Amino acid sequence: MGKADDERARRLAEALRQNLRRRKAQARGAAEAPAHVRAAEDAKDSDDTE
């Protein structure tokens, strides 16, 4: 039973590391995208207000 628990813990740790890498990559992508999106939205907003 101890060996099965160790294997499960190893798999869980690896899954958590992969999840963290994926979330960090998504956060980096989300941090870069709004600059472009904001510029497009600002241009659209200025057209709407005039």
Protein backbone atom coordinates (compact mmCIF):
# COMPACT_ATOMS: atom_id res chain seq x y z
CA MET A 1 0.00 0.00 0.00
CA GLY A 2 2.89 2.39 0.72
CA LYS A 3 4.29 2.04 -2.79
CA ALA A 4 0.91 2.83 -4.35
CA ASP A 5 0.61 5.92 -2.17
CA ASP A 6 4.08 7.09 -3.24
CA GLU A 7 3.19 6.61 -6.91
CA ARG A 8 -0.07 8.51 -6.48
CA ALA A 9 1.74 11.35 -4.70
CA ARG A 10 4.32 11.49 -7.51
CA ARG A 11 1.60 11.66 -10.19
CA LEU A 12 -0.28 14.33 -8.25
CA ALA A 13 2.86 16.44 -7.81
CA GLU A 14 3.60 16.24 -11.54
CA ALA A 15 0.02 17.17 -12.44
CA LEU A 16 0.19 20.17 -10.11
CA ARG A 17 3.48 21.32 -11.66
CA GLN A 18 2.00 21.05 -15.16
CA ASN A 19 -1.11 22.93 -14.07
CA LEU A 20 1.00 25.72 -12.57
CA ARG A 21 3.07 26.02 -15.77
CA ARG A 22 -0.11 26.18 -17.86
CA ARG A 23 -1.68 28.85 -15.64
CA LYS A 24 1.51 30.94 -15.68
CA ALA A 25 1.63 30.75 -19.48
CA GLN A 26 -2.02 31.79 -19.68
CA ALA A 27 -1.38 34.68 -17.30
CA ARG A 28 1.56 35.86 -19.39
CA GLY A 29 -0.61 35.72 -22.51
CA ALA A 30 -3.45 37.55 -20.79
CA ALA A 31 -1.07 40.24 -19.55
CA GLU A 32 0.18 40.90 -23.09
CA ALA A 33 -3.15 40.80 -24.92
CA PRO A 34 -5.02 43.60 -23.15
CA ALA A 35 -2.63 46.26 -24.44
CA HIS A 36 -3.74 45.48 -27.98
CA VAL A 37 -7.33 45.00 -26.98
CA ARG A 38 -7.36 48.23 -24.96
CA ALA A 39 -6.03 50.22 -27.92
CA ALA A 40 -8.75 48.82 -30.17
CA GLU A 41 -11.41 49.46 -27.52
CA ASP A 42 -10.17 53.02 -26.93
CA ALA A 43 -10.36 53.74 -30.64
CA LYS A 44 -13.86 52.27 -30.79
CA ASP A 45 -14.96 54.24 -27.71
CA SER A 46 -13.70 57.52 -29.12
CA ASP A 47 -15.67 56.88 -32.32
CA ASP A 48 -18.83 56.19 -30.30
CA THR A 49 -18.63 59.38 -28.23
CA GLU A 50 -18.29 61.77 -31.15
